[in-house]
Every structure is written in C-alpha cells, then in structure tokens.
N, C-alpha and C. Protein backbone atom coordinates (compact mmCIF):
# COMPACT_ATOMS: atom_id res chain seq x y z
N MET A 1 110.87 61.27 188.53
CA MET A 1 111.92 61.94 188.23
C MET A 1 112.07 62.25 186.68
N ASP A 2 112.53 63.29 186.10
CA ASP A 2 112.61 63.41 184.54
C ASP A 2 114.23 63.52 184.53
N VAL A 3 114.41 62.72 183.41
CA VAL A 3 116.00 62.73 183.16
C VAL A 3 116.42 63.22 181.83
N THR A 4 117.06 63.79 181.38
CA THR A 4 117.61 64.37 179.78
C THR A 4 118.70 64.33 179.91
N GLY A 5 119.02 64.14 178.63
CA GLY A 5 120.51 64.55 178.13
C GLY A 5 121.09 63.63 177.28
N THR A 6 122.33 63.43 176.50
CA THR A 6 122.83 62.71 175.95
C THR A 6 124.38 62.47 175.74
N ASP A 7 124.66 61.18 175.32
CA ASP A 7 126.04 60.64 175.80
C ASP A 7 126.96 61.28 176.75
N GLY A 8 126.39 60.56 177.92
CA GLY A 8 127.04 61.09 179.11
C GLY A 8 127.18 62.04 180.18
N ARG A 9 126.12 62.74 178.96
CA ARG A 9 126.02 64.41 179.92
C ARG A 9 123.94 64.40 180.14
N TRP A 10 123.66 64.40 181.46
CA TRP A 10 122.68 64.43 182.05
C TRP A 10 121.97 64.77 182.81
N SER A 11 120.77 65.09 183.15
CA SER A 11 120.38 66.06 184.61
C SER A 11 118.94 65.53 184.93
N GLY A 12 119.07 65.23 186.07
CA GLY A 12 117.50 65.04 186.56
C GLY A 12 116.85 66.18 187.66
N THR A 13 115.79 66.10 187.29
CA THR A 13 114.90 66.96 187.98
C THR A 13 114.01 65.92 188.89
N VAL A 14 113.74 66.35 190.46
CA VAL A 14 113.35 65.68 191.26
C VAL A 14 112.05 66.66 191.90
N SER A 15 110.61 66.14 192.04
CA SER A 15 110.06 66.90 192.56
C SER A 15 109.37 66.42 194.11
N ALA A 16 109.70 67.32 194.91
CA ALA A 16 108.87 66.87 196.16
C ALA A 16 108.51 67.66 197.05
N PRO A 17 107.68 67.32 198.09
CA PRO A 17 106.88 68.41 198.92
C PRO A 17 108.52 68.98 199.71
N ALA A 18 108.41 70.56 200.36
CA ALA A 18 109.11 70.79 200.72
C ALA A 18 109.33 70.15 202.21
N GLY A 19 110.31 70.00 202.53
CA GLY A 19 110.93 69.32 203.93
C GLY A 19 110.91 67.93 203.88
N ALA A 20 110.51 66.81 202.33
CA ALA A 20 110.31 65.95 202.75
C ALA A 20 111.59 64.94 202.02
N GLU A 21 111.93 64.07 202.58
CA GLU A 21 113.41 63.19 202.47
C GLU A 21 113.12 62.71 201.25
N THR A 22 114.02 63.22 200.13
CA THR A 22 114.25 62.81 198.60
C THR A 22 115.35 61.88 198.34
N VAL A 23 115.48 60.53 198.28
CA VAL A 23 116.65 59.54 197.61
C VAL A 23 116.61 59.93 195.99
N VAL A 24 117.46 60.30 195.59
CA VAL A 24 117.78 59.34 194.27
C VAL A 24 119.16 58.31 194.08
N ARG A 25 118.62 57.38 193.54
CA ARG A 25 119.57 56.38 192.97
C ARG A 25 120.19 56.59 191.76
N VAL A 26 121.44 56.95 190.93
CA VAL A 26 121.55 56.86 189.94
C VAL A 26 122.70 55.43 189.60
N GLY A 27 122.14 54.96 188.54
CA GLY A 27 123.01 53.75 187.74
C GLY A 27 123.98 54.53 186.46
N GLY A 28 124.83 53.49 186.03
CA GLY A 28 125.80 53.68 185.52
C GLY A 28 125.49 53.71 183.86
N TRP A 29 124.29 53.19 183.73
CA TRP A 29 124.09 52.75 182.17
C TRP A 29 124.32 54.31 181.59
N PRO A 30 124.17 54.31 179.93
CA PRO A 30 124.70 55.24 179.45
C PRO A 30 123.31 55.69 179.00
N LEU A 31 122.97 56.69 178.81
CA LEU A 31 121.55 57.61 178.70
C LEU A 31 121.89 58.32 177.15
N ARG A 32 121.28 58.08 176.60
CA ARG A 32 121.12 58.81 174.85
C ARG A 32 119.78 59.27 174.07
N VAL A 33 119.55 60.26 174.04
CA VAL A 33 118.73 60.79 173.41
C VAL A 33 118.45 61.13 171.92
N GLY A 34 118.05 60.30 171.06
CA GLY A 34 117.83 60.46 169.80
C GLY A 34 119.02 59.52 169.21
N THR A 35 118.69 58.78 168.55
CA THR A 35 119.66 57.63 167.59
C THR A 35 120.64 58.42 166.95
N THR A 36 121.11 59.34 166.79
CA THR A 36 122.32 59.97 166.25
C THR A 36 122.65 61.58 167.22
N ARG A 37 123.72 61.80 166.62
CA ARG A 37 123.86 62.89 167.37
C ARG A 37 123.23 64.40 166.63
N GLU A 38 123.17 63.98 165.57
CA GLU A 38 122.17 64.99 165.15
C GLU A 38 120.68 65.11 165.46
N ASP A 39 120.27 63.93 166.06
CA ASP A 39 118.90 63.43 166.59
C ASP A 39 118.94 64.02 168.03
N ALA A 40 120.01 64.15 168.72
CA ALA A 40 120.49 64.95 170.00
C ALA A 40 120.83 66.02 170.19
N VAL A 41 121.08 66.70 168.97
CA VAL A 41 120.71 68.14 169.13
C VAL A 41 119.67 68.69 168.68
N LEU A 42 118.73 67.96 167.97
CA LEU A 42 117.04 68.48 167.52
C LEU A 42 116.44 68.21 169.13
N GLU A 43 116.25 67.02 169.50
CA GLU A 43 115.85 67.09 171.18
C GLU A 43 116.69 68.36 171.96
N LEU A 44 117.58 68.47 172.33
CA LEU A 44 118.07 69.69 173.47
C LEU A 44 117.68 70.61 172.40
N LEU A 45 117.44 71.19 171.30
CA LEU A 45 116.95 72.44 171.03
C LEU A 45 115.20 72.63 171.22
N GLU A 46 114.89 71.45 170.90
CA GLU A 46 113.36 71.12 171.34
C GLU A 46 112.91 71.36 172.52
N ALA A 47 113.84 70.94 173.55
CA ALA A 47 113.64 70.80 174.92
C ALA A 47 114.37 72.68 175.65
N ALA A 48 115.21 73.13 174.66
CA ALA A 48 115.90 74.23 175.19
C ALA A 48 114.38 75.61 175.62
N GLN A 49 114.65 76.15 176.42
CA GLN A 49 114.10 77.23 176.86
C GLN A 49 114.22 78.69 175.81
N ILE A 50 114.02 78.39 174.51
CA ILE A 50 114.74 79.57 174.11
C ILE A 50 113.77 79.57 172.78
N GLY A 51 113.54 80.85 171.98
CA GLY A 51 112.61 81.39 170.80
C GLY A 51 112.75 80.08 169.82
N ASN A 52 111.55 80.35 169.32
CA ASN A 52 111.72 79.01 167.95
C ASN A 52 112.82 80.28 166.55
N PRO A 53 112.80 81.13 166.71
CA PRO A 53 114.17 81.46 165.36
C PRO A 53 115.69 81.48 165.99
N GLU A 54 115.44 81.28 167.26
CA GLU A 54 116.88 80.96 167.34
C GLU A 54 117.01 79.44 167.50
N LYS A 55 116.25 78.37 167.77
CA LYS A 55 116.23 77.12 167.51
C LYS A 55 116.28 76.95 166.02
N LEU A 56 115.69 77.41 165.30
CA LEU A 56 115.76 77.19 163.90
C LEU A 56 116.86 77.76 163.32
N ALA A 57 117.64 78.97 163.91
CA ALA A 57 118.84 79.46 163.40
C ALA A 57 119.94 78.46 163.79
N ALA A 58 119.66 77.66 164.83
CA ALA A 58 120.84 76.63 165.25
C ALA A 58 120.56 75.05 164.65
N TRP A 59 119.61 75.06 164.17
CA TRP A 59 119.53 73.77 163.54
C TRP A 59 119.64 73.55 162.17
N GLU A 60 119.95 75.23 161.25
CA GLU A 60 120.32 75.49 160.37
C GLU A 60 121.93 75.30 160.10
N VAL A 61 122.45 75.27 161.10
CA VAL A 61 123.79 75.71 161.10
C VAL A 61 124.30 74.16 161.38
N VAL A 62 123.67 73.56 162.31
CA VAL A 62 123.85 71.73 162.91
C VAL A 62 123.83 71.01 161.51
N ARG A 63 122.39 71.37 160.50
CA ARG A 63 122.02 70.67 159.43
C ARG A 63 123.41 71.00 158.27
N GLY A 64 123.92 72.03 158.04
CA GLY A 64 124.50 72.53 157.35
C GLY A 64 125.70 70.82 156.59
N SER A 65 126.37 71.13 155.46
CA SER A 65 127.17 70.72 155.02
C SER A 65 128.69 70.57 154.77
N ARG A 66 128.95 72.15 155.44
CA ARG A 66 130.40 72.82 155.48
C ARG A 66 131.06 71.69 156.36
N PRO A 67 132.21 71.96 156.61
CA PRO A 67 133.05 70.80 157.93
C PRO A 67 132.65 71.51 159.24
N VAL A 68 132.66 71.11 160.29
CA VAL A 68 132.56 71.04 161.81
C VAL A 68 132.77 72.07 162.25
N ALA A 69 134.25 72.72 161.81
CA ALA A 69 134.99 74.01 162.39
C ALA A 69 134.19 74.84 161.38
N GLU A 70 133.87 75.38 160.54
CA GLU A 70 132.93 76.01 159.94
C GLU A 70 131.84 76.47 160.54
N ARG A 71 130.96 75.59 160.89
CA ARG A 71 129.49 75.53 161.48
C ARG A 71 129.52 75.79 163.03
N LEU A 72 130.70 75.31 163.88
CA LEU A 72 130.87 75.93 165.14
C LEU A 72 131.26 77.40 165.37
N ALA A 73 131.80 77.89 163.73
CA ALA A 73 131.96 79.42 164.09
C ALA A 73 130.87 79.95 163.38
N GLU A 74 129.97 79.58 162.76
CA GLU A 74 128.40 80.06 162.15
C GLU A 74 127.71 80.10 163.31
N LEU A 75 127.97 79.00 164.43
CA LEU A 75 127.10 78.83 165.64
C LEU A 75 127.30 79.97 166.54
N SER A 76 128.27 80.01 166.69
CA SER A 76 128.77 81.42 167.79
C SER A 76 128.05 82.65 167.33
N ALA A 77 127.30 82.98 165.87
CA ALA A 77 126.76 84.04 165.99
C ALA A 77 125.09 83.99 166.18
N VAL A 78 124.77 82.75 166.55
CA VAL A 78 123.26 82.78 166.78
C VAL A 78 123.30 82.93 168.50
N GLU A 79 122.30 83.44 168.72
CA GLU A 79 121.98 83.75 170.00
C GLU A 79 121.32 83.25 171.10
N LEU A 80 122.15 82.37 171.80
CA LEU A 80 122.06 81.17 172.29
C LEU A 80 122.37 80.83 173.76
N PRO A 81 121.42 80.59 175.00
CA PRO A 81 122.28 80.56 175.81
C PRO A 81 123.93 79.51 175.77
N ASP A 82 124.60 79.98 176.68
CA ASP A 82 125.63 78.94 177.00
C ASP A 82 125.49 78.04 177.17
N ALA A 83 124.89 77.37 178.18
CA ALA A 83 124.39 75.94 178.00
C ALA A 83 124.14 75.17 177.02
N VAL A 84 123.46 76.02 176.28
CA VAL A 84 122.66 75.34 174.78
C VAL A 84 123.89 75.50 173.91
N ARG A 85 124.64 76.27 173.82
CA ARG A 85 125.82 76.43 172.75
C ARG A 85 126.85 75.29 173.45
N SER A 86 127.06 75.65 174.39
CA SER A 86 128.29 74.45 174.93
C SER A 86 127.73 73.05 174.25
N ALA A 87 126.30 72.37 174.70
CA ALA A 87 126.16 71.05 174.36
C ALA A 87 125.94 70.63 172.95
N ILE A 88 125.77 71.70 171.92
CA ILE A 88 126.12 71.38 170.76
C ILE A 88 127.07 71.77 170.00
N THR A 89 127.76 72.31 171.01
CA THR A 89 129.57 72.46 170.33
C THR A 89 129.65 71.08 170.65
N GLU A 90 129.65 70.64 171.82
CA GLU A 90 130.46 69.18 172.34
C GLU A 90 129.82 68.15 171.48
N LEU A 91 128.50 68.29 170.95
CA LEU A 91 128.00 67.12 169.94
C LEU A 91 128.41 67.69 168.64
N LEU A 92 128.68 68.60 168.12
CA LEU A 92 129.34 68.73 166.95
C LEU A 92 130.59 68.73 166.85
N GLY A 93 131.32 68.88 167.83
CA GLY A 93 133.03 68.43 168.10
C GLY A 93 133.28 66.88 167.96
N ALA A 94 132.29 66.24 169.08
CA ALA A 94 132.46 64.51 168.48
C ALA A 94 132.41 63.94 167.23
N VAL A 95 131.39 65.13 166.47
CA VAL A 95 130.93 64.44 165.07
C VAL A 95 132.69 64.65 164.39
N GLY A 96 133.07 66.14 164.66
CA GLY A 96 134.07 66.63 163.85
C GLY A 96 135.55 65.69 163.89
N ALA A 97 135.46 65.38 165.05
CA ALA A 97 136.73 64.48 165.40
C ALA A 97 137.17 63.82 164.33
N GLY A 98 136.39 62.68 163.73
CA GLY A 98 136.70 62.37 162.52
C GLY A 98 137.06 62.74 161.40
N GLU A 99 136.74 64.19 161.32
CA GLU A 99 137.02 64.61 159.53
C GLU A 99 138.64 65.10 159.68
N GLY A 100 139.16 64.94 158.46
CA GLY A 100 140.20 65.13 157.97
C GLY A 100 140.65 66.49 158.08
C-alpha cells in the first residue's frame, strides 16, 4: 500500500487483482511528509502529476518572503490542479495563521 499526505490529510492506494478481497486497516497515528510545512509542499509538488514549469512557479511562490496572504494571491495565477492548489493553500494558510 502506498500512503502519501501531510498533517492529517493523506491518501492510500492499494493494488489487488480484480475480484480479490482487500482489507485495509488504518491506524490513528499522524502522518507527516517532510519535517517542515515547506518540506511538505516540496514533497507534494514533487509527487504532483503536473509539468515542471508549474511546479517551479508554485515553489517560487511558496518560498517567497512576502506575507502569506500575498503569496496565496500570487499562487492563484499559477496553473495548478484544484487539489494541488488546495493542499498548498492549506499548508500555507496554517503557516500564516500566526502572522500578524
């Protein structure tokens, strides 16, 4: 089983022959990819099924030094699948929650 995710949001992919009974048990432990939220975004981008130019554009926004609200606005101009944008937004928003 392949498991990916960060900070309580994760997914699992199970491969089994057609018609085979498959049982998946999930524990309640926290799953984290990367040691920081920035690392988690990098892992997410590396795994995303999008082009390298889009990954680079998103990464440059994430690494920026501007306030999170400005980076989130800039991220909206990067062509990303909704799921990828949503995950990055959630990660950046969690970081920005402590900004004044």
